[in-house]
Amino acid sequence: RALRLAGGEWALARRLPDPPVMMASIT
């Protein structure tokens, strides 16, 4: 039986904002 699922790039990573450069560097 066929099971249709959406492939491709998932949207979770696109919804997460980029942390500030300073915070990422310190971390």
PDB file of all heavy atoms in Angstrom:
ATOM      1  N   ARG A   1       0.841  -1.187   0.000  1.00  0.00           N
ATOM      2  CA  ARG A   1       0.000   0.000   0.000  1.00  0.00           C
ATOM      3  C   ARG A   1       0.884   1.247   0.000  1.00  0.00           C
ATOM      4  O   ARG A   1       1.933   1.282   0.639  1.00  0.00           O
ATOM      5  CB  ARG A   1      -0.890   0.019   1.242  1.00  0.00           C
ATOM      6  CG  ARG A   1      -1.941  -1.066   1.236  1.00  0.00           C
ATOM      7  CD  ARG A   1      -2.976  -0.808   0.173  1.00  0.00           C
ATOM      8  NE  ARG A   1      -3.984  -1.862   0.121  1.00  0.00           N
ATOM      9  CZ  ARG A   1      -4.945  -1.910  -0.776  1.00  0.00           C
ATOM     10  NH1 ARG A   1      -5.016  -0.980  -1.697  1.00  0.00           N
ATOM     11  NH2 ARG A   1      -5.813  -2.893  -0.764  1.00  0.00           N
ATOM     12  N   ALA A   2       0.440   2.264  -0.704  1.00  0.00           N
ATOM     13  CA  ALA A   2       1.204   3.504  -0.772  1.00  0.00           C
ATOM     14  C   ALA A   2       0.982   4.323   0.501  1.00  0.00           C
ATOM     15  O   ALA A   2      -0.097   4.318   1.080  1.00  0.00           O
ATOM     16  CB  ALA A   2       0.800   4.323  -1.993  1.00  0.00           C
ATOM     17  N   LEU A   3       2.033   5.011   0.937  1.00  0.00           N
ATOM     18  CA  LEU A   3       1.959   5.923   2.072  1.00  0.00           C
ATOM     19  C   LEU A   3       2.640   7.213   1.661  1.00  0.00           C
ATOM     20  O   LEU A   3       3.863   7.278   1.542  1.00  0.00           O
ATOM     21  CB  LEU A   3       2.640   5.331   3.306  1.00  0.00           C
ATOM     22  CG  LEU A   3       2.683   6.240   4.539  1.00  0.00           C
ATOM     23  CD1 LEU A   3       1.272   6.569   4.991  1.00  0.00           C
ATOM     24  CD2 LEU A   3       3.473   5.589   5.661  1.00  0.00           C
ATOM     25  N   ARG A   4       1.851   8.228   1.409  1.00  0.00           N
ATOM     26  CA  ARG A   4       2.388   9.498   0.934  1.00  0.00           C
ATOM     27  C   ARG A   4       2.859  10.338   2.115  1.00  0.00           C
ATOM     28  O   ARG A   4       2.097  10.653   3.024  1.00  0.00           O
ATOM     29  CB  ARG A   4       1.314  10.277   0.164  1.00  0.00           C
ATOM     30  CG  ARG A   4       0.766   9.511  -1.037  1.00  0.00           C
ATOM     31  CD  ARG A   4       1.847   9.194  -2.047  1.00  0.00           C
ATOM     32  NE  ARG A   4       1.373   8.362  -3.141  1.00  0.00           N
ATOM     33  CZ  ARG A   4       2.158   7.842  -4.062  1.00  0.00           C
ATOM     34  NH1 ARG A   4       3.456   8.078  -4.018  1.00  0.00           N
ATOM     35  NH2 ARG A   4       1.660   7.089  -5.025  1.00  0.00           N
ATOM     36  N   LEU A   5       4.150  10.669   2.093  1.00  0.00           N
ATOM     37  CA  LEU A   5       4.745  11.525   3.114  1.00  0.00           C
ATOM     38  C   LEU A   5       5.496  12.650   2.429  1.00  0.00           C
ATOM     39  O   LEU A   5       6.111  12.455   1.385  1.00  0.00           O
ATOM     40  CB  LEU A   5       5.712  10.729   4.006  1.00  0.00           C
ATOM     41  CG  LEU A   5       5.092   9.614   4.858  1.00  0.00           C
ATOM     42  CD1 LEU A   5       6.183   8.808   5.533  1.00  0.00           C
ATOM     43  CD2 LEU A   5       4.148  10.202   5.893  1.00  0.00           C
ATOM     44  N   ALA A   6       5.463  13.809   3.033  1.00  0.00           N
ATOM     45  CA  ALA A   6       6.166  14.960   2.459  1.00  0.00           C
ATOM     46  C   ALA A   6       7.651  14.795   2.674  1.00  0.00           C
ATOM     47  O   ALA A   6       8.119  14.649   3.800  1.00  0.00           O
ATOM     48  CB  ALA A   6       5.685  16.253   3.107  1.00  0.00           C
ATOM     49  N   GLY A   7       8.406  14.795   1.603  1.00  0.00           N
ATOM     50  CA  GLY A   7       9.859  14.696   1.701  1.00  0.00           C
ATOM     51  C   GLY A   7      10.502  16.053   1.607  1.00  0.00           C
ATOM     52  O   GLY A   7       9.916  17.086   1.896  1.00  0.00           O
ATOM     53  N   GLY A   8      11.731  16.055   1.154  1.00  0.00           N
ATOM     54  CA  GLY A   8      12.447  17.313   0.970  1.00  0.00           C
ATOM     55  C   GLY A   8      12.990  17.872   2.258  1.00  0.00           C
ATOM     56  O   GLY A   8      13.072  17.207   3.280  1.00  0.00           O
ATOM     57  N   GLU A   9      13.353  19.131   2.235  1.00  0.00           N
ATOM     58  CA  GLU A   9      13.949  19.790   3.402  1.00  0.00           C
ATOM     59  C   GLU A   9      12.864  20.085   4.422  1.00  0.00           C
ATOM     60  O   GLU A   9      11.808  20.622   4.097  1.00  0.00           O
ATOM     61  CB  GLU A   9      14.622  21.093   2.967  1.00  0.00           C
ATOM     62  CG  GLU A   9      15.381  21.788   4.086  1.00  0.00           C
ATOM     63  CD  GLU A   9      16.596  21.006   4.526  1.00  0.00           C
ATOM     64  OE1 GLU A   9      17.109  20.212   3.708  1.00  0.00           O
ATOM     65  OE2 GLU A   9      17.029  21.175   5.667  1.00  0.00           O
ATOM     66  N   TRP A  10      13.098  19.717   5.661  1.00  0.00           N
ATOM     67  CA  TRP A  10      12.115  19.938   6.711  1.00  0.00           C
ATOM     68  C   TRP A  10      12.217  21.360   7.223  1.00  0.00           C
ATOM     69  O   TRP A  10      13.255  22.000   7.202  1.00  0.00           O
ATOM     70  CB  TRP A  10      12.325  18.932   7.836  1.00  0.00           C
ATOM     71  CG  TRP A  10      12.045  17.532   7.389  1.00  0.00           C
ATOM     72  CD1 TRP A  10      11.335  17.144   6.301  1.00  0.00           C
ATOM     73  CD2 TRP A  10      12.511  16.339   8.018  1.00  0.00           C
ATOM     74  NE1 TRP A  10      11.303  15.787   6.205  1.00  0.00           N
ATOM     75  CE2 TRP A  10      12.018  15.257   7.250  1.00  0.00           C
ATOM     76  CE3 TRP A  10      13.269  16.062   9.141  1.00  0.00           C
ATOM     77  CZ2 TRP A  10      12.266  13.947   7.576  1.00  0.00           C
ATOM     78  CZ3 TRP A  10      13.519  14.760   9.472  1.00  0.00           C
ATOM     79  CH2 TRP A  10      13.014  13.714   8.693  1.00  0.00           C
ATOM     80  N   ALA A  11      11.107  21.864   7.729  1.00  0.00           N
ATOM     81  CA  ALA A  11      11.010  23.280   8.084  1.00  0.00           C
ATOM     82  C   ALA A  11      11.451  23.594   9.498  1.00  0.00           C
ATOM     83  O   ALA A  11      11.504  24.743   9.878  1.00  0.00           O
ATOM     84  CB  ALA A  11       9.563  23.749   7.911  1.00  0.00           C
ATOM     85  N   LEU A  12      11.787  22.563  10.317  1.00  0.00           N
ATOM     86  CA  LEU A  12      12.116  22.834  11.713  1.00  0.00           C
ATOM     87  C   LEU A  12      13.333  23.742  11.833  1.00  0.00           C
ATOM     88  O   LEU A  12      13.332  24.729  12.566  1.00  0.00           O
ATOM     89  CB  LEU A  12      12.371  21.505  12.446  1.00  0.00           C
ATOM     90  CG  LEU A  12      12.863  21.622  13.895  1.00  0.00           C
ATOM     91  CD1 LEU A  12      11.811  22.332  14.738  1.00  0.00           C
ATOM     92  CD2 LEU A  12      13.191  20.256  14.470  1.00  0.00           C
ATOM     93  N   ALA A  13      14.393  23.397  11.089  1.00  0.00           N
ATOM     94  CA  ALA A  13      15.619  24.193  11.196  1.00  0.00           C
ATOM     95  C   ALA A  13      15.399  25.618  10.695  1.00  0.00           C
ATOM     96  O   ALA A  13      16.022  26.553  11.181  1.00  0.00           O
ATOM     97  CB  ALA A  13      16.752  23.526  10.406  1.00  0.00           C
ATOM     98  N   ARG A  14      14.484  25.810   9.722  1.00  0.00           N
ATOM     99  CA  ARG A  14      14.259  27.155   9.205  1.00  0.00           C
ATOM    100  C   ARG A  14      13.472  28.018  10.190  1.00  0.00           C
ATOM    101  O   ARG A  14      13.547  29.230  10.178  1.00  0.00           O
ATOM    102  CB  ARG A  14      13.528  27.078   7.868  1.00  0.00           C
ATOM    103  CG  ARG A  14      14.363  26.471   6.761  1.00  0.00           C
ATOM    104  CD  ARG A  14      13.729  26.764   5.412  1.00  0.00           C
ATOM    105  NE  ARG A  14      12.437  26.135   5.259  1.00  0.00           N
ATOM    106  CZ  ARG A  14      12.258  24.920   4.769  1.00  0.00           C
ATOM    107  NH1 ARG A  14      13.308  24.173   4.449  1.00  0.00           N
ATOM    108  NH2 ARG A  14      11.050  24.421   4.632  1.00  0.00           N
ATOM    109  N   ARG A  15      12.677  27.367  11.061  1.00  0.00           N
ATOM    110  CA  ARG A  15      11.898  28.142  12.017  1.00  0.00           C
ATOM    111  C   ARG A  15      12.739  28.604  13.204  1.00  0.00           C
ATOM    112  O   ARG A  15      12.361  29.542  13.895  1.00  0.00           O
ATOM    113  CB  ARG A  15      10.715  27.302  12.511  1.00  0.00           C
ATOM    114  CG  ARG A  15       9.631  27.070  11.472  1.00  0.00           C
ATOM    115  CD  ARG A  15       8.343  26.620  12.130  1.00  0.00           C
ATOM    116  NE  ARG A  15       8.523  25.381  12.869  1.00  0.00           N
ATOM    117  CZ  ARG A  15       8.267  24.179  12.375  1.00  0.00           C
ATOM    118  NH1 ARG A  15       7.858  24.058  11.125  1.00  0.00           N
ATOM    119  NH2 ARG A  15       8.411  23.102  13.105  1.00  0.00           N
ATOM    120  N   LEU A  16      13.845  27.914  13.489  1.00  0.00           N
ATOM    121  CA  LEU A  16      14.673  28.293  14.628  1.00  0.00           C
ATOM    122  C   LEU A  16      15.517  29.510  14.258  1.00  0.00           C
ATOM    123  O   LEU A  16      16.236  29.486  13.257  1.00  0.00           O
ATOM    124  CB  LEU A  16      15.581  27.130  15.037  1.00  0.00           C
ATOM    125  CG  LEU A  16      14.871  25.904  15.641  1.00  0.00           C
ATOM    126  CD1 LEU A  16      15.869  24.791  15.871  1.00  0.00           C
ATOM    127  CD2 LEU A  16      14.156  26.276  16.929  1.00  0.00           C
ATOM    128  N   PRO A  17      15.475  30.585  15.046  1.00  0.00           N
ATOM    129  CA  PRO A  17      16.295  31.761  14.721  1.00  0.00           C
ATOM    130  C   PRO A  17      17.771  31.485  15.002  1.00  0.00           C
ATOM    131  O   PRO A  17      18.124  30.698  15.877  1.00  0.00           O
ATOM    132  CB  PRO A  17      15.739  32.831  15.668  1.00  0.00           C
ATOM    133  CG  PRO A  17      15.185  32.058  16.829  1.00  0.00           C
ATOM    134  CD  PRO A  17      14.660  30.784  16.256  1.00  0.00           C
ATOM    135  N   ASP A  18      18.627  32.140  14.241  1.00  0.00           N
ATOM    136  CA  ASP A  18      20.067  32.027  14.473  1.00  0.00           C
ATOM    137  C   ASP A  18      20.431  32.757  15.761  1.00  0.00           C
ATOM    138  O   ASP A  18      20.038  33.912  15.963  1.00  0.00           O
ATOM    139  CB  ASP A  18      20.847  32.647  13.307  1.00  0.00           C
ATOM    140  CG  ASP A  18      20.821  31.752  12.086  1.00  0.00           C
ATOM    141  OD1 ASP A  18      20.750  30.528  12.263  1.00  0.00           O
ATOM    142  OD2 ASP A  18      20.863  32.285  10.960  1.00  0.00           O
ATOM    143  N   PRO A  19      21.186  32.112  16.669  1.00  0.00           N
ATOM    144  CA  PRO A  19      21.628  32.830  17.867  1.00  0.00           C
ATOM    145  C   PRO A  19      22.616  33.924  17.496  1.00  0.00           C
ATOM    146  O   PRO A  19      23.278  33.852  16.454  1.00  0.00           O
ATOM    147  CB  PRO A  19      22.295  31.732  18.702  1.00  0.00           C
ATOM    148  CG  PRO A  19      22.674  30.669  17.730  1.00  0.00           C
ATOM    149  CD  PRO A  19      21.658  30.724  16.639  1.00  0.00           C
ATOM    150  N   PRO A  20      22.726  34.945  18.318  1.00  0.00           N
ATOM    151  CA  PRO A  20      23.701  36.005  18.023  1.00  0.00           C
ATOM    152  C   PRO A  20      25.119  35.454  17.934  1.00  0.00           C
ATOM    153  O   PRO A  20      25.469  34.473  18.594  1.00  0.00           O
ATOM    154  CB  PRO A  20      23.539  36.967  19.207  1.00  0.00           C
ATOM    155  CG  PRO A  20      22.190  36.671  19.763  1.00  0.00           C
ATOM    156  CD  PRO A  20      21.938  35.224  19.523  1.00  0.00           C
ATOM    157  N   VAL A  21      25.927  36.114  17.120  1.00  0.00           N
ATOM    158  CA  VAL A  21      27.295  35.645  16.911  1.00  0.00           C
ATOM    159  C   VAL A  21      28.075  35.652  18.222  1.00  0.00           C
ATOM    160  O   VAL A  21      28.831  34.715  18.522  1.00  0.00           O
ATOM    161  CB  VAL A  21      27.999  36.521  15.848  1.00  0.00           C
ATOM    162  CG1 VAL A  21      29.470  36.149  15.733  1.00  0.00           C
ATOM    163  CG2 VAL A  21      27.302  36.374  14.505  1.00  0.00           C
ATOM    164  N   MET A  22      27.900  36.694  19.052  1.00  0.00           N
ATOM    165  CA  MET A  22      28.621  36.781  20.307  1.00  0.00           C
ATOM    166  C   MET A  22      28.263  35.624  21.234  1.00  0.00           C
ATOM    167  O   MET A  22      29.127  34.973  21.833  1.00  0.00           O
ATOM    168  CB  MET A  22      28.327  38.124  20.980  1.00  0.00           C
ATOM    169  CG  MET A  22      29.042  38.309  22.321  1.00  0.00           C
ATOM    170  SD  MET A  22      30.843  38.328  22.140  1.00  0.00           S
ATOM    171  CE  MET A  22      31.034  39.902  21.282  1.00  0.00           C
ATOM    172  N   MET A  23      26.943  35.329  21.349  1.00  0.00           N
ATOM    173  CA  MET A  23      26.505  34.242  22.219  1.00  0.00           C
ATOM    174  C   MET A  23      27.038  32.898  21.722  1.00  0.00           C
ATOM    175  O   MET A  23      27.506  32.061  22.502  1.00  0.00           O
ATOM    176  CB  MET A  23      24.983  34.207  22.298  1.00  0.00           C
ATOM    177  CG  MET A  23      24.455  33.184  23.307  1.00  0.00           C
ATOM    178  SD  MET A  23      22.648  33.103  23.341  1.00  0.00           S
ATOM    179  CE  MET A  23      22.356  32.131  21.873  1.00  0.00           C
ATOM    180  N   ALA A  24      26.972  32.668  20.409  1.00  0.00           N
ATOM    181  CA  ALA A  24      27.469  31.417  19.851  1.00  0.00           C
ATOM    182  C   ALA A  24      28.971  31.278  20.061  1.00  0.00           C
ATOM    183  O   ALA A  24      29.470  30.193  20.385  1.00  0.00           O
ATOM    184  CB  ALA A  24      27.134  31.336  18.366  1.00  0.00           C
ATOM    185  N   SER A  25      29.703  32.390  19.911  1.00  0.00           N
ATOM    186  CA  SER A  25      31.153  32.339  20.099  1.00  0.00           C
ATOM    187  C   SER A  25      31.513  32.025  21.543  1.00  0.00           C
ATOM    188  O   SER A  25      32.406  31.203  21.813  1.00  0.00           O
ATOM    189  CB  SER A  25      31.788  33.666  19.672  1.00  0.00           C
ATOM    190  OG  SER A  25      31.501  33.953  18.317  1.00  0.00           O
ATOM    191  N   ILE A  26      30.833  32.684  22.505  1.00  0.00           N
ATOM    192  CA  ILE A  26      31.117  32.416  23.924  1.00  0.00           C
ATOM    193  C   ILE A  26      30.759  30.979  24.278  1.00  0.00           C
ATOM    194  O   ILE A  26      31.518  30.275  24.964  1.00  0.00           O
ATOM    195  CB  ILE A  26      30.349  33.411  24.806  1.00  0.00           C
ATOM    196  CG1 ILE A  26      30.864  34.832  24.581  1.00  0.00           C
ATOM    197  CG2 ILE A  26      30.459  33.026  26.273  1.00  0.00           C
ATOM    198  CD1 ILE A  26      30.079  35.903  25.328  1.00  0.00           C
ATOM    199  N   THR A  27      29.594  30.516  23.811  1.00  0.00           N
ATOM    200  CA  THR A  27      29.158  29.152  24.120  1.00  0.00           C
ATOM    201  C   THR A  27      30.145  28.127  23.573  1.00  0.00           C
ATOM    202  O   THR A  27      30.558  27.197  24.278  1.00  0.00           O
ATOM    203  CB  THR A  27      27.764  28.902  23.536  1.00  0.00           C
ATOM    204  OG1 THR A  27      26.851  29.863  24.052  1.00  0.00           O
ATOM    205  CG2 THR A  27      27.277  27.507  23.880  1.00  0.00           C
TER     206      THR A  27
END
